[in-house]
C-alpha atoms as a PDB file:
ATOM      1  CA  MET A   1       5.371 -10.501 -20.170  1.00  0.00           C
ATOM      2  CA  ASN A   2       2.152 -11.076 -22.054  1.00  0.00           C
ATOM      3  CA  ASN A   3      -1.310  -9.758 -21.212  1.00  0.00           C
ATOM      4  CA  PHE A   4      -2.430 -12.974 -19.521  1.00  0.00           C
ATOM      5  CA  GLU A   5       0.595 -13.013 -17.209  1.00  0.00           C
ATOM      6  CA  MET A   6       0.077  -9.345 -16.352  1.00  0.00           C
ATOM      7  CA  LYS A   7      -3.569  -9.995 -15.426  1.00  0.00           C
ATOM      8  CA  LYS A   8      -2.523 -12.996 -13.334  1.00  0.00           C
ATOM      9  CA  VAL A   9       0.002 -10.862 -11.416  1.00  0.00           C
ATOM     10  CA  GLU A  10      -2.614  -8.130 -10.912  1.00  0.00           C
ATOM     11  CA  MET A  11      -5.190 -10.608  -9.582  1.00  0.00           C
ATOM     12  CA  GLU A  12      -2.637 -12.198  -7.252  1.00  0.00           C
ATOM     13  CA  LEU A  13      -1.684  -8.824  -5.803  1.00  0.00           C
ATOM     14  CA  LYS A  14      -5.327  -7.697  -5.543  1.00  0.00           C
ATOM     15  CA  ASN A  15      -6.206 -10.867  -3.643  1.00  0.00           C
ATOM     16  CA  PHE A  16      -3.263 -10.347  -1.302  1.00  0.00           C
ATOM     17  CA  THR A  17      -4.213  -6.756  -0.527  1.00  0.00           C
ATOM     18  CA  ALA A  18      -7.913  -7.591  -0.128  1.00  0.00           C
ATOM     19  CA  ARG A  19      -7.142 -10.351   2.382  1.00  0.00           C
ATOM     20  CA  ASN A  20      -4.474  -8.562   4.386  1.00  0.00           C
ATOM     21  CA  PHE A  21      -5.084  -4.810   4.205  1.00  0.00           C
ATOM     22  CA  GLU A  22      -7.807  -2.424   5.249  1.00  0.00           C
ATOM     23  CA  LYS A  23      -8.766   0.478   3.028  1.00  0.00           C
ATOM     24  CA  PRO A  24      -6.602   3.534   3.719  1.00  0.00           C
ATOM     25  CA  SER A  25      -9.657   5.551   4.766  1.00  0.00           C
ATOM     26  CA  ASN A  26     -10.525   2.948   7.442  1.00  0.00           C
ATOM     27  CA  CYS A  27      -7.127   3.160   9.145  1.00  0.00           C
ATOM     28  CA  ARG A  28      -7.059   5.176  12.342  1.00  0.00           C
ATOM     29  CA  ASN A  29      -3.686   4.177  13.730  1.00  0.00           C
ATOM     30  CA  ALA A  30      -0.308   5.400  12.479  1.00  0.00           C
ATOM     31  CA  ALA A  31       1.412   2.126  13.444  1.00  0.00           C
ATOM     32  CA  GLN A  32      -1.120   0.160  11.404  1.00  0.00           C
ATOM     33  CA  ILE A  33      -0.538   2.358   8.370  1.00  0.00           C
ATOM     34  CA  ARG A  34       3.244   2.106   8.745  1.00  0.00           C
ATOM     35  CA  PHE A  35       2.863  -1.685   8.756  1.00  0.00           C
ATOM     36  CA  TYR A  36       0.717  -1.623   5.609  1.00  0.00           C
ATOM     37  CA  ILE A  37       3.153   0.700   3.855  1.00  0.00           C
ATOM     38  CA  SER A  38       6.047  -1.557   4.789  1.00  0.00           C
ATOM     39  CA  GLU A  39       4.256  -4.685   3.593  1.00  0.00           C
ATOM     40  CA  LEU A  40       3.133  -3.057   0.372  1.00  0.00           C
ATOM     41  CA  CYS A  41       6.636  -1.776  -0.356  1.00  0.00           C
ATOM     42  CA  SER A  42       7.977  -5.293   0.208  1.00  0.00           C
ATOM     43  CA  LYS A  43       5.391  -6.764  -2.168  1.00  0.00           C
ATOM     44  CA  ILE A  44       6.144  -4.136  -4.810  1.00  0.00           C
ATOM     45  CA  GLU A  45       9.853  -4.879  -4.544  1.00  0.00           C
ATOM     46  CA  GLU A  46       9.177  -8.624  -4.728  1.00  0.00           C
ATOM     47  CA  TYR A  47       7.047  -8.206  -7.865  1.00  0.00           C
ATOM     48  CA  GLU A  48       9.638  -5.964  -9.507  1.00  0.00           C
ATOM     49  CA  LYS A  49      12.330  -8.580  -8.968  1.00  0.00           C
ATOM     50  CA  LYS A  50      10.198 -11.630  -9.733  1.00  0.00           C
ATOM     51  CA  PHE A  51       8.083 -10.405 -12.656  1.00  0.00           C
ATOM     52  CA  ASN A  52       9.699  -7.103 -13.628  1.00  0.00           C
ATOM     53  CA  TYR A  53       6.157  -5.712 -13.471  1.00  0.00           C
ATOM     54  CA  VAL A  54       4.049  -3.997 -10.826  1.00  0.00           C
ATOM     55  CA  PRO A  55       0.476  -2.891 -11.516  1.00  0.00           C
ATOM     56  CA  GLU A  56       0.061   0.890 -11.486  1.00  0.00           C
ATOM     57  CA  TRP A  57      -2.737   0.684  -8.907  1.00  0.00           C
ATOM     58  CA  ALA A  58      -0.246  -0.740  -6.362  1.00  0.00           C
ATOM     59  CA  TYR A  59       1.625   2.570  -6.435  1.00  0.00           C
ATOM     60  CA  THR A  60      -1.679   4.438  -6.194  1.00  0.00           C
ATOM     61  CA  LEU A  61      -2.613   2.389  -3.118  1.00  0.00           C
ATOM     62  CA  LEU A  62       0.787   3.092  -1.587  1.00  0.00           C
ATOM     63  CA  ASN A  63       0.234   6.793  -2.221  1.00  0.00           C
ATOM     64  CA  GLN A  64      -3.188   6.640  -0.525  1.00  0.00           C
ATOM     65  CA  TYR A  65      -1.667   5.042   2.582  1.00  0.00           C
ATOM     66  CA  THR A  66       1.073   7.676   2.606  1.00  0.00           C
ATOM     67  CA  ILE A  67      -1.496  10.486   2.429  1.00  0.00           C
ATOM     68  CA  VAL A  68      -3.425   9.043   5.386  1.00  0.00           C
ATOM     69  CA  GLN A  69      -0.183   8.541   7.311  1.00  0.00           C
ATOM     70  CA  ASN A  70       0.842  12.147   6.699  1.00  0.00           C
ATOM     71  CA  SER A  71      -2.513  13.444   7.899  1.00  0.00           C
ATOM     72  CA  LEU A  72      -2.318  11.337  11.078  1.00  0.00           C
ATOM     73  CA  VAL A  73       1.226  12.544  11.733  1.00  0.00           C
ATOM     74  CA  HIS A  74       0.062  16.116  11.206  1.00  0.00           C
ATOM     75  CA  LEU A  75      -2.820  15.642  13.683  1.00  0.00           C
ATOM     76  CA  GLU A  76      -0.426  14.231  16.289  1.00  0.00           C
ATOM     77  CA  PHE A  77       1.941  17.129  15.715  1.00  0.00           C
ATOM     78  CA  VAL A  78      -0.857  19.654  16.219  1.00  0.00           C
ATOM     79  CA  LYS A  79      -2.016  17.887  19.402  1.00  0.00           C
ATOM     80  CA  CYS A  80       1.494  17.895  20.853  1.00  0.00           C
ATOM     81  CA  TYR A  81       2.490  21.432  19.954  1.00  0.00           C
ATOM     82  CA  ALA A  82      -0.754  23.375  19.940  1.00  0.00           C
END
Protein backbone atom coordinates (compact mmCIF):
# COMPACT_ATOMS: atom_id res chain seq x y z
CA MET A 1 0.00 0.00 0.00
CA ASN A 2 1.50 3.30 -1.04
CA ASN A 3 1.35 6.62 0.81
CA PHE A 4 -1.54 7.97 -1.26
CA GLU A 5 -3.69 4.90 -0.57
CA MET A 6 -2.88 5.08 3.14
CA LYS A 7 -3.94 8.74 3.27
CA LYS A 8 -7.14 7.90 1.38
CA VAL A 9 -7.99 5.16 3.90
CA GLU A 10 -7.23 7.52 6.80
CA MET A 11 -9.46 10.26 5.37
CA GLU A 12 -12.28 7.80 4.71
CA LEU A 13 -12.16 6.52 8.28
CA LYS A 14 -11.86 10.05 9.73
CA ASN A 15 -14.92 11.14 7.77
CA PHE A 16 -16.86 8.11 8.98
CA THR A 17 -16.00 8.73 12.63
CA ALA A 18 -16.67 12.48 12.37
CA ARG A 19 -20.13 11.88 10.90
CA ASN A 20 -21.21 9.02 13.13
CA PHE A 21 -19.43 9.31 16.48
CA GLU A 22 -19.31 11.79 19.31
CA LYS A 23 -16.05 12.56 21.06
CA PRO A 24 -15.39 10.12 23.91
CA SER A 25 -15.43 12.96 26.44
CA ASN A 26 -18.95 13.98 25.32
CA CYS A 27 -20.45 10.54 25.94
CA ARG A 28 -22.47 10.22 29.12
CA ASN A 29 -24.20 6.91 28.52
CA ALA A 30 -22.59 3.47 28.79
CA ALA A 31 -24.89 2.01 26.10
CA GLN A 32 -23.86 4.76 23.68
CA ILE A 33 -20.18 4.06 24.31
CA ARG A 34 -20.68 0.31 23.91
CA PHE A 35 -22.31 1.01 20.54
CA TYR A 36 -19.41 3.22 19.44
CA ILE A 37 -16.87 0.64 20.56
CA SER A 38 -18.72 -2.07 18.67
CA GLU A 39 -18.96 0.01 15.51
CA LEU A 40 -15.33 1.07 15.69
CA CYS A 41 -14.17 -2.51 16.22
CA SER A 42 -16.21 -3.56 13.18
CA LYS A 43 -14.66 -0.79 11.07
CA ILE A 44 -11.16 -1.70 12.24
CA GLU A 45 -11.77 -5.34 11.35
CA GLU A 46 -13.20 -4.34 7.97
CA TYR A 47 -10.15 -2.18 7.19
CA GLU A 48 -7.75 -4.91 8.27
CA LYS A 49 -9.39 -7.38 5.91
CA LYS A 50 -9.98 -4.97 3.03
CA PHE A 51 -6.78 -2.90 3.07
CA ASN A 52 -4.51 -4.77 5.48
CA TYR A 53 -4.01 -1.36 7.11
CA VAL A 54 -5.63 0.52 9.97
CA PRO A 55 -4.49 4.01 10.98
CA GLU A 56 -2.89 4.09 14.43
CA TRP A 57 -5.26 6.83 15.60
CA ALA A 58 -8.21 4.41 15.19
CA TYR A 59 -6.75 2.26 17.97
CA THR A 60 -6.12 5.39 20.04
CA LEU A 61 -9.76 6.42 19.60
CA LEU A 62 -10.89 2.93 20.59
CA ASN A 63 -8.73 3.18 23.69
CA GLN A 64 -10.27 6.56 24.58
CA TYR A 65 -13.79 5.11 24.34
CA THR A 66 -12.72 2.15 26.48
CA ILE A 67 -11.32 4.47 29.16
CA VAL A 68 -14.58 6.44 29.30
CA GLN A 69 -16.58 3.21 29.39
CA ASN A 70 -14.49 1.89 32.28
CA SER A 71 -14.98 5.09 34.25
CA LEU A 72 -18.75 5.00 33.70
CA VAL A 73 -18.88 1.35 34.75
CA HIS A 74 -16.85 2.22 37.84
CA LEU A 75 -19.25 5.07 38.73
CA GLU A 76 -22.25 2.74 38.37
CA PHE A 77 -20.52 0.14 40.52
CA VAL A 78 -19.85 2.70 43.25
CA LYS A 79 -23.47 3.93 43.13
CA CYS A 80 -24.82 0.40 43.45
CA TYR A 81 -22.51 -0.88 46.16
CA ALA A 82 -21.62 2.19 48.19
